[in-house]
Protein backbone atom coordinates (compact mmCIF):
# COMPACT_ATOMS: atom_id res chain seq x y z
CA UNK A 1 -5.65 169.93 -91.55
CA UNK A 2 -5.25 166.39 -92.79
CA UNK A 3 -7.06 164.94 -95.81
CA UNK A 4 -7.40 161.29 -96.76
CA UNK A 5 -6.27 158.17 -94.96
CA UNK A 6 -5.35 158.33 -91.26
CA UNK A 7 -2.19 156.48 -90.27
CA UNK A 8 -3.18 154.02 -87.51
CA UNK A 9 -1.20 153.87 -84.28
CA UNK A 10 -1.75 150.78 -82.15
CA UNK A 11 0.20 152.34 -79.25
CA UNK A 12 -2.06 155.43 -79.10
CA UNK A 13 -5.16 153.27 -79.50
CA UNK A 14 -4.27 151.11 -76.49
CA UNK A 15 -3.11 154.00 -74.30
CA UNK A 16 -6.34 155.93 -74.92
CA UNK A 17 -8.43 153.01 -73.65
CA UNK A 18 -6.28 152.17 -70.64
CA UNK A 19 -5.35 155.62 -69.32
CA UNK A 20 -5.74 156.42 -65.63
CA UNK A 21 -7.68 159.61 -66.41
CA UNK A 22 -10.25 157.68 -68.47
CA UNK A 23 -10.70 155.07 -65.75
CA UNK A 24 -11.30 157.72 -63.06
CA UNK A 25 -13.81 159.68 -65.16
CA UNK A 26 -15.78 156.58 -66.19
CA UNK A 27 -15.91 155.06 -62.71
CA UNK A 28 -16.96 158.36 -61.12
CA UNK A 29 -19.80 158.76 -63.65
CA UNK A 30 -18.59 162.21 -64.78
CA UNK A 31 -19.09 161.54 -68.51
CA UNK A 32 -20.80 164.27 -70.50
CA UNK A 33 -23.61 163.25 -72.88
CA UNK A 34 -22.85 163.00 -76.59
CA UNK A 35 -22.90 166.35 -78.36
CA UNK A 36 -21.89 168.40 -75.32
CA UNK A 37 -18.37 168.93 -76.68
CA UNK A 38 -19.57 172.21 -78.20
CA UNK A 39 -20.26 173.50 -74.68
CA UNK A 40 -17.08 172.15 -73.11
CA UNK A 41 -14.54 173.18 -75.80
CA UNK A 42 -16.04 174.70 -78.98
CA UNK A 43 -12.68 175.17 -80.75
CA UNK A 44 -11.70 171.53 -80.31
CA UNK A 45 -15.20 170.34 -81.28
CA UNK A 46 -15.10 172.35 -84.53
CA UNK A 47 -11.64 171.00 -85.40
CA UNK A 48 -12.70 167.41 -84.69
CA UNK A 49 -15.84 167.74 -86.82
CA UNK A 50 -13.85 168.94 -89.85
CA UNK A 51 -11.07 166.38 -89.27
CA UNK A 52 -13.51 163.48 -89.08
CA UNK A 53 -15.26 164.56 -92.28
CA UNK A 54 -12.04 165.00 -94.31
CA UNK A 55 -10.20 161.83 -93.23
CA UNK A 56 -11.07 158.15 -93.04
CA UNK A 57 -9.85 155.24 -90.94
CA UNK A 58 -8.42 152.05 -92.45
CA UNK A 59 -10.01 149.95 -89.70
CA UNK A 60 -13.52 151.17 -90.60
CA UNK A 61 -12.94 150.22 -94.23
CA UNK A 62 -11.81 146.72 -93.23
CA UNK A 63 -14.82 146.39 -90.92
CA UNK A 64 -17.22 147.28 -93.76
CA UNK A 65 -15.55 144.78 -96.09
CA UNK A 66 -15.91 142.00 -93.51
CA UNK A 67 -19.71 142.40 -93.24
């Protein structure tokens, strides 16, 4: 498990938003409501919850400083 600052990757950020799979799911209206990750994949949801609480993103820090 990672602790501290996340290393940003512009390539992964762009590919996640422009993937074919994402486009198909969003256009078909097959999105699950927020919080349903525990039903779909509990192991992944638990990992993501811990990861997001133990790391922080440089872009969020910059965004807060700009306000």
